[in-house]
């Protein structure tokens, strides 16, 4: 069974958008795909049954967080993350490298890995390429990510080059461990590489060339969406996809807004993840066809229209602006739940519409029409 198949390429001039299928032992995933983030074995405020109703084929877990709690012993005793959280579809786990560098304190990097203190209780830990792969073997995710060094933006060239060299070394070791070990469970696990190089084109190209010496199952673009301007992110993404293999999925990590997704699909990206749909939902920010709104705004107090009559989620088909606002103002948990379900549904519908537009060679037209409505500020 082939892991990734490209189904179609856009024939529109200058457009690198494409559709494809990723096949794991748990699900067939149509690309381009948005993957809801379930950092600690849950997509916040959303039940698994709701994700299935929305037809989410793959979600994310995070190695750093799952390693700290519930921990490897409990995860192994549970039979892996699929069984632990009763998720019957595909899982991708980030290596936790980004979280080590962004969340933990007193971290110390050496050529073997990174020492860090837990952001939860200050306890001391060490991540190496070997331990990160072994932990993900215990988690049992369908797609694993290697340990990389994600540096802050902006970065000096020498700093970015040193991090790139360390990343190549770590990811090569991850690949060796991956090839010499097997899953604890009865399903195939895949390993992607992560391209680094900060904002320097020559380092990005070098990273790709060095990593592709090994036959990783897919390629992620890391180190973006960390503070740089959007235009620079798009430019670097476009540059990277020129050198990434055509026959492997391309994953832009941690991106992003609906606009970011459209721009990146146009540049040849297949996979996306971001906490934005659920994080924004918990703060009353709801994505609609006519733009993102703040449902707490007083003007929605007596607005009895459905929140989005073009996005067919349980929330949008059943509840008004006024009711959702009431729930938030009353601090009812249901408000965050309904908003989260809707936001994820909005993102997944966007991806379905994108795939249809690519297959029909009208991606640019779809993008322009979508953005015209999305930026209309009708409900703001």
Protein backbone atom coordinates (compact mmCIF):
# COMPACT_ATOMS: atom_id res chain seq x y z
CA UNK A 1 0.00 0.00 0.00
CA UNK A 2 1.54 3.29 -1.11
CA UNK A 3 1.75 5.91 1.62
CA UNK A 4 1.21 8.97 -0.61
CA UNK A 5 -0.31 9.39 -4.04
CA UNK A 6 -0.58 12.65 -5.95
CA UNK A 7 -4.01 12.74 -7.61
CA UNK A 8 -3.91 16.00 -9.55
CA UNK A 9 -1.84 19.13 -10.14
CA UNK A 10 -3.35 22.51 -10.87
CA UNK A 11 -2.72 23.52 -14.47
CA UNK A 12 -3.15 27.21 -13.66
CA UNK A 13 -0.03 29.28 -14.46
CA UNK A 14 2.26 29.78 -11.49
CA UNK A 15 0.14 27.61 -9.18
CA UNK A 16 1.78 24.62 -7.47
CA UNK A 17 -1.41 23.44 -5.72
CA UNK A 18 -2.12 19.71 -5.87
CA UNK A 19 -4.40 17.08 -4.40
CA UNK A 20 -3.40 13.70 -3.07
CA UNK A 21 -4.07 10.80 -0.72
CA UNK A 22 -2.13 9.80 2.39
CA UNK A 23 -2.93 6.23 3.43
CA UNK A 24 -2.23 4.95 6.93
CA UNK A 25 -3.47 1.81 8.64
CA UNK A 26 -6.16 3.94 10.30
CA UNK A 27 -7.53 6.20 7.57
CA UNK A 28 -7.22 7.58 4.08
CA UNK A 29 -6.47 11.31 4.24
CA UNK A 30 -7.30 13.61 1.36
CA UNK A 31 -4.83 16.44 0.84
CA UNK A 32 -4.46 19.37 1.16
CA UNK A 33 -5.51 18.66 4.74
CA UNK A 34 -5.87 20.61 7.95
CA UNK A 35 -5.06 18.60 11.08
CA UNK A 36 -6.79 19.66 14.32
CA UNK A 37 -4.35 19.87 17.22
CA UNK A 38 -4.90 17.50 20.15
CA UNK A 39 -1.76 18.33 22.11
CA UNK A 40 -2.38 16.28 25.26
CA UNK A 41 -4.58 13.53 23.79
CA UNK A 42 -7.59 15.76 23.25
CA UNK A 43 -8.69 18.41 20.80
CA UNK A 44 -9.71 20.98 23.37
CA UNK A 45 -13.47 21.21 24.01
CA UNK A 46 -14.28 18.81 21.14
CA UNK A 47 -15.36 15.17 21.48
CA UNK A 48 -13.95 12.46 19.23
CA UNK A 49 -17.45 11.74 17.93
CA UNK A 50 -17.75 15.39 16.86
CA UNK A 51 -14.42 15.20 15.05
CA UNK A 52 -15.65 12.09 13.26
CA UNK A 53 -18.90 13.82 12.29
CA UNK A 54 -16.80 16.65 10.84
CA UNK A 55 -14.77 13.99 8.98
CA UNK A 56 -11.41 14.80 10.53
CA UNK A 57 -9.20 11.98 9.26
CA UNK A 58 -6.06 12.90 11.22
CA UNK A 59 -5.28 14.86 14.39
CA UNK A 60 -2.09 15.78 16.23
CA UNK A 61 -0.57 14.85 19.55
CA UNK A 62 2.63 16.26 21.01
CA UNK A 63 5.56 14.16 22.18
CA UNK A 64 6.83 16.73 24.70
CA UNK A 65 3.49 17.05 26.47
CA UNK A 66 2.60 13.34 26.35
CA UNK A 67 6.06 12.38 27.58
CA UNK A 68 5.64 14.64 30.63
CA UNK A 69 2.08 13.47 31.27
CA UNK A 70 0.71 10.86 31.33
CA UNK A 71 4.24 9.58 30.58
CA UNK A 72 5.71 6.69 28.64
CA UNK A 73 4.83 3.98 31.16
CA UNK A 74 1.12 4.76 31.23
CA UNK A 75 1.05 5.35 27.48
CA UNK A 76 2.58 1.92 26.87
CA UNK A 77 0.29 0.21 29.38
CA UNK A 78 -2.68 1.80 27.60
CA UNK A 79 -1.58 0.28 24.30
CA UNK A 80 -0.61 3.56 22.67
CA UNK A 81 -2.34 6.84 22.03
CA UNK A 82 -5.03 5.50 19.69
CA UNK A 83 -6.38 3.22 22.41
CA UNK A 84 -5.70 5.64 25.27
CA UNK A 85 -7.90 8.35 23.75
CA UNK A 86 -10.14 5.96 21.78
CA UNK A 87 -9.30 7.64 18.46
CA UNK A 88 -9.92 5.33 15.52
CA UNK A 89 -8.33 7.47 12.80
CA UNK A 90 -4.81 8.68 12.08
CA UNK A 91 -2.44 10.47 14.45
CA UNK A 92 0.63 12.61 13.86
CA UNK A 93 2.95 13.49 16.71
CA UNK A 94 5.34 16.41 16.73
CA UNK A 95 8.71 15.52 18.26
CA UNK A 96 8.34 18.15 20.97
CA UNK A 97 11.43 20.04 19.85
CA UNK A 98 9.56 23.30 19.39
CA UNK A 99 7.97 22.98 22.84
CA UNK A 100 11.34 22.30 24.46
CA UNK A 101 12.71 25.52 23.00
CA UNK A 102 9.61 27.63 23.60
CA UNK A 103 8.14 26.35 26.89
CA UNK A 104 10.83 24.84 29.04
CA UNK A 105 13.28 26.77 31.18
CA UNK A 106 17.01 26.30 31.74
CA UNK A 107 17.40 24.33 28.51
CA UNK A 108 20.92 23.39 27.43
CA UNK A 109 21.65 22.13 23.94
CA UNK A 110 24.55 19.84 23.10
CA UNK A 111 25.37 17.69 20.10
CA UNK A 112 23.54 14.73 21.63
CA UNK A 113 20.27 16.48 22.36
CA UNK A 114 18.75 19.00 24.75
CA UNK A 115 18.46 19.12 28.53
CA UNK A 116 15.45 20.97 29.84
CA UNK A 117 13.26 21.56 32.86
CA UNK A 118 9.59 20.67 32.67
CA UNK A 119 7.29 23.68 32.39
CA UNK A 120 4.91 21.80 34.71
CA UNK A 121 7.01 21.07 37.79
CA UNK A 122 10.59 22.03 36.97
CA UNK A 123 11.81 18.42 36.84
CA UNK A 124 14.87 17.74 34.71
CA UNK A 125 14.72 15.80 31.43
CA UNK A 126 16.80 15.06 28.36
CA UNK A 127 15.59 14.66 24.78
CA UNK A 128 17.89 12.95 22.30
CA UNK A 129 17.11 11.78 18.77
CA UNK A 130 16.95 8.24 20.11
CA UNK A 131 14.61 9.02 23.01
CA UNK A 132 12.26 11.09 20.85
CA UNK A 133 11.79 8.23 18.37
CA UNK A 134 11.46 5.67 21.17
CA UNK A 135 8.81 7.78 22.88
CA UNK A 136 6.87 8.09 19.63
CA UNK A 137 7.12 4.33 19.17
CA UNK A 138 5.42 4.03 22.56
CA UNK A 139 2.81 6.63 21.61
CA UNK A 140 2.18 4.70 18.39
CA UNK A 141 1.43 7.64 16.12
CA UNK A 142 0.99 6.96 12.41
CA UNK A 143 3.34 9.81 11.48
CA UNK A 144 6.33 10.72 13.65
CA UNK A 145 8.50 13.84 13.54
CA UNK A 146 12.24 13.93 14.31
CA UNK A 147 14.05 16.09 16.83
CA UNK A 148 15.07 19.43 15.35
CA UNK A 149 16.30 22.76 16.64
CA UNK A 150 13.83 25.56 15.98
CA UNK A 151 15.49 28.90 16.64
CA UNK A 152 13.84 32.24 17.28
CA UNK A 153 13.24 34.90 14.66
CA UNK A 154 15.20 36.94 13.74
CA UNK A 155 18.40 34.89 13.70
CA UNK A 156 21.90 35.68 12.55
CA UNK A 157 23.24 33.61 9.68
CA UNK A 158 25.87 31.82 11.78
CA UNK A 159 23.31 30.94 14.43
CA UNK A 160 20.93 29.56 11.78
CA UNK A 161 23.74 27.59 10.15
CA UNK A 162 24.80 26.01 13.45
CA UNK A 163 21.19 25.05 14.24
CA UNK A 164 20.84 23.58 10.75
CA UNK A 165 23.94 21.43 11.21
CA UNK A 166 22.71 20.19 14.56
CA UNK A 167 19.25 19.53 13.11
CA UNK A 168 20.68 17.49 10.22
CA UNK A 169 22.75 15.45 12.67
CA UNK A 170 19.79 14.82 14.97
CA UNK A 171 17.38 13.95 12.18
CA UNK A 172 19.88 11.55 10.63
CA UNK A 173 20.13 9.77 13.98
CA UNK A 174 16.33 9.75 14.23
CA UNK A 175 16.15 8.07 10.84
CA UNK A 176 18.69 5.42 11.88
CA UNK A 177 16.73 4.63 15.05
CA UNK A 178 13.49 4.56 13.04
CA UNK A 179 14.92 2.07 10.52
CA UNK A 180 16.32 -0.18 13.25
CA UNK A 181 13.23 -0.34 15.46
CA UNK A 182 9.64 -1.35 14.92
CA UNK A 183 6.24 -0.36 16.24
CA UNK A 184 5.03 -1.79 19.53
CA UNK A 185 1.59 -2.11 17.98
CA UNK A 186 0.08 -3.66 14.85
CA UNK A 187 0.32 -0.71 12.51
CA UNK A 188 2.90 0.97 10.31
CA UNK A 189 4.55 4.16 11.55
CA UNK A 190 6.09 6.74 9.20
CA UNK A 191 8.80 9.34 9.78
CA UNK A 192 9.00 12.81 8.22
CA UNK A 193 12.00 15.13 8.14
CA UNK A 194 11.86 18.80 9.16
CA UNK A 195 13.59 21.42 7.03
CA UNK A 196 15.25 24.30 8.89
CA UNK A 197 17.43 27.24 7.85
CA UNK A 198 15.59 30.25 9.27
CA UNK A 199 15.08 32.96 6.62
CA UNK A 200 18.11 32.12 4.49
CA UNK A 201 17.39 30.51 1.13
CA UNK A 202 20.80 28.87 0.78
CA UNK A 203 20.45 27.28 4.22
CA UNK A 204 16.95 26.06 3.41
CA UNK A 205 18.21 24.43 0.21
CA UNK A 206 21.17 22.93 2.05
CA UNK A 207 18.89 21.53 4.73
CA UNK A 208 16.70 19.85 2.12
CA UNK A 209 19.66 18.38 0.25
CA UNK A 210 21.24 16.99 3.42
CA UNK A 211 18.02 15.51 4.78
CA UNK A 212 16.94 13.89 1.52
CA UNK A 213 20.02 11.65 1.62
CA UNK A 214 17.72 9.50 3.76
CA UNK A 215 14.38 8.20 2.52
CA UNK A 216 12.01 9.99 4.90
CA UNK A 217 8.31 9.38 4.21
CA UNK A 218 7.43 13.08 4.03
CA UNK A 219 8.95 16.53 4.40
CA UNK A 220 7.97 19.26 6.85
CA UNK A 221 8.93 22.91 6.62
CA UNK A 222 9.77 24.04 10.13
CA UNK A 223 10.95 27.28 11.68
CA UNK A 224 8.29 29.48 10.08
CA UNK A 225 5.28 31.26 11.58
CA UNK A 226 7.58 32.29 14.44
CA UNK A 227 7.26 36.04 14.06
CA UNK A 228 8.35 36.79 10.52
CA UNK A 229 6.04 38.75 8.21
CA UNK A 230 3.56 36.74 6.18
CA UNK A 231 5.06 37.69 2.84
CA UNK A 232 8.44 36.36 3.96
CA UNK A 233 6.86 33.11 5.15
CA UNK A 234 5.14 32.66 1.77
CA UNK A 235 8.37 33.44 -0.09
CA UNK A 236 10.35 30.87 1.91
CA UNK A 237 7.61 28.27 1.57
CA UNK A 238 7.53 28.79 -2.18
CA UNK A 239 11.29 28.43 -2.33
CA UNK A 240 11.33 25.21 -0.30
CA UNK A 241 8.63 23.44 -2.28
CA UNK A 242 10.68 23.93 -5.45
CA UNK A 243 13.23 21.50 -3.99
CA UNK A 244 11.03 19.09 -2.04
CA UNK A 245 10.16 15.74 -3.68
CA UNK A 246 7.02 15.60 -5.78
CA UNK A 247 6.17 12.11 -4.53
CA UNK A 248 6.12 12.91 -0.81
CA UNK A 249 3.70 14.98 1.30
CA UNK A 250 4.78 18.50 2.28
CA UNK A 251 3.82 19.76 5.71
CA UNK A 252 4.03 23.41 6.78
CA UNK A 253 4.16 23.22 10.55
CA UNK A 254 2.05 25.46 12.80
CA UNK A 255 0.21 27.34 10.02
CA UNK A 256 -2.18 28.99 10.31
CA UNK A 257 -4.94 31.39 9.34
CA UNK A 258 -7.33 30.65 6.44
CA UNK A 259 -5.38 33.20 4.37
CA UNK A 260 -2.06 31.51 5.23
CA UNK A 261 -3.46 28.16 4.18
CA UNK A 262 -4.69 29.43 0.83
CA UNK A 263 -1.38 31.13 0.09
CA UNK A 264 0.60 28.04 1.09
CA UNK A 265 -1.57 25.59 -0.85
CA UNK A 266 -0.93 27.74 -3.91
CA UNK A 267 2.78 27.25 -3.24
CA UNK A 268 2.53 23.46 -3.10
CA UNK A 269 1.90 22.58 0.57
CA UNK A 270 -0.21 19.49 1.41
CA UNK A 271 -0.56 19.46 5.21
CA UNK A 272 -1.27 22.06 7.90
CA UNK A 273 -1.85 22.23 11.65
CA UNK A 274 -2.59 25.08 14.00
CA UNK A 275 -4.12 25.59 17.45
CA UNK A 276 -5.92 28.68 16.16
CA UNK A 277 -9.40 27.17 15.56
CA UNK A 278 -9.82 25.94 19.13
CA UNK A 279 -7.71 28.56 20.90
CA UNK A 280 -9.57 31.42 19.25
CA UNK A 281 -12.89 29.70 19.89
CA UNK A 282 -12.24 29.61 23.63
CA UNK A 283 -11.79 33.39 23.53
CA UNK A 284 -14.97 33.99 21.57
CA UNK A 285 -13.32 34.38 18.18
CA UNK A 286 -15.36 32.56 15.54
CA UNK A 287 -14.42 31.96 11.91
CA UNK A 288 -17.20 32.62 9.44
CA UNK A 289 -17.49 32.86 5.66
CA UNK A 290 -17.53 36.64 6.11
CA UNK A 291 -14.47 36.79 8.33
CA UNK A 292 -13.43 36.15 11.91
CA UNK A 293 -15.68 37.76 14.49
CA UNK A 294 -15.61 38.50 18.20
CA UNK A 295 -18.87 36.99 19.41
CA UNK A 296 -18.65 38.98 22.67
CA UNK A 297 -19.28 42.20 20.75
CA UNK A 298 -22.47 43.88 22.03
CA UNK A 299 -23.94 44.14 18.53
CA UNK A 300 -24.59 40.39 18.54
CA UNK A 301 -26.80 40.52 21.65
CA UNK A 302 -30.02 40.50 19.63
CA UNK A 303 -28.71 39.08 16.33
CA UNK A 304 -30.81 35.95 15.82
CA UNK A 305 -29.35 34.89 12.49
CA UNK A 306 -27.48 31.60 12.29
CA UNK A 307 -23.78 32.32 12.69
CA UNK A 308 -22.81 31.03 9.22
CA UNK A 309 -25.40 29.69 6.80
CA UNK A 310 -22.68 28.57 4.37
CA UNK A 311 -20.75 26.37 6.80
CA UNK A 312 -22.75 23.31 7.74
CA UNK A 313 -21.55 22.49 11.24
CA UNK A 314 -23.83 21.51 14.12
CA UNK A 315 -23.23 24.93 15.63
CA UNK A 316 -23.83 26.99 12.51
CA UNK A 317 -26.99 25.10 11.54
CA UNK A 318 -28.62 25.34 14.96
CA UNK A 319 -27.57 28.44 16.91
CA UNK A 320 -27.68 32.19 16.48
CA UNK A 321 -25.12 34.88 17.15
CA UNK A 322 -27.23 35.98 20.08
CA UNK A 323 -27.30 32.55 21.74
CA UNK A 324 -23.57 31.88 21.34
CA UNK A 325 -22.83 35.36 22.69
CA UNK A 326 -25.12 34.73 25.65
CA UNK A 327 -23.18 31.56 26.51
CA UNK A 328 -19.88 33.41 26.50
CA UNK A 329 -21.19 36.32 28.54
CA UNK A 330 -22.65 33.86 31.06
CA UNK A 331 -19.30 32.00 31.10
CA UNK A 332 -20.99 28.74 30.17
CA UNK A 333 -18.66 25.96 29.00
CA UNK A 334 -21.02 25.16 26.14
CA UNK A 335 -20.06 28.42 24.45
CA UNK A 336 -16.43 27.33 24.03
CA UNK A 337 -17.55 23.87 22.95
CA UNK A 338 -19.92 25.09 20.25
CA UNK A 339 -17.43 27.67 19.00
CA UNK A 340 -14.65 25.07 18.84
CA UNK A 341 -16.77 22.60 16.89
CA UNK A 342 -17.72 25.32 14.45
CA UNK A 343 -14.18 26.62 13.95
CA UNK A 344 -12.78 23.17 13.22
CA UNK A 345 -15.70 22.51 10.88
CA UNK A 346 -14.99 25.80 9.12
CA UNK A 347 -11.36 24.82 8.54
CA UNK A 348 -12.24 21.33 7.31
CA UNK A 349 -14.85 22.73 4.91
CA UNK A 350 -12.27 25.19 3.62
CA UNK A 351 -9.96 22.28 2.84
CA UNK A 352 -12.72 20.35 1.05
CA UNK A 353 -13.52 23.41 -1.04
CA UNK A 354 -9.82 23.89 -1.81
CA UNK A 355 -9.47 20.30 -2.99
CA UNK A 356 -12.51 20.63 -5.24
CA UNK A 357 -11.20 23.86 -6.72
CA UNK A 358 -7.79 22.31 -7.44
CA UNK A 359 -9.36 19.29 -9.11
CA UNK A 360 -11.47 21.59 -11.28
CA UNK A 361 -8.52 23.88 -12.13
CA UNK A 362 -10.16 26.95 -10.61
CA UNK A 363 -8.08 27.42 -7.46
CA UNK A 364 -7.22 31.07 -8.13
CA UNK A 365 -10.85 31.92 -8.77
CA UNK A 366 -11.88 30.14 -5.57
CA UNK A 367 -9.15 31.88 -3.57
CA UNK A 368 -10.18 35.31 -4.83
CA UNK A 369 -13.88 34.71 -4.20
CA UNK A 370 -13.24 33.30 -0.72
CA UNK A 371 -10.99 36.19 0.30
CA UNK A 372 -13.40 38.79 -1.04
CA UNK A 373 -16.11 37.49 1.29
CA UNK A 374 -13.79 36.63 4.16
CA UNK A 375 -12.34 40.13 4.21
CA UNK A 376 -15.72 41.84 3.80
CA UNK A 377 -16.03 42.57 7.57
CA UNK A 378 -19.77 41.98 7.26
CA UNK A 379 -20.14 40.78 10.85
CA UNK A 380 -17.30 42.64 12.58
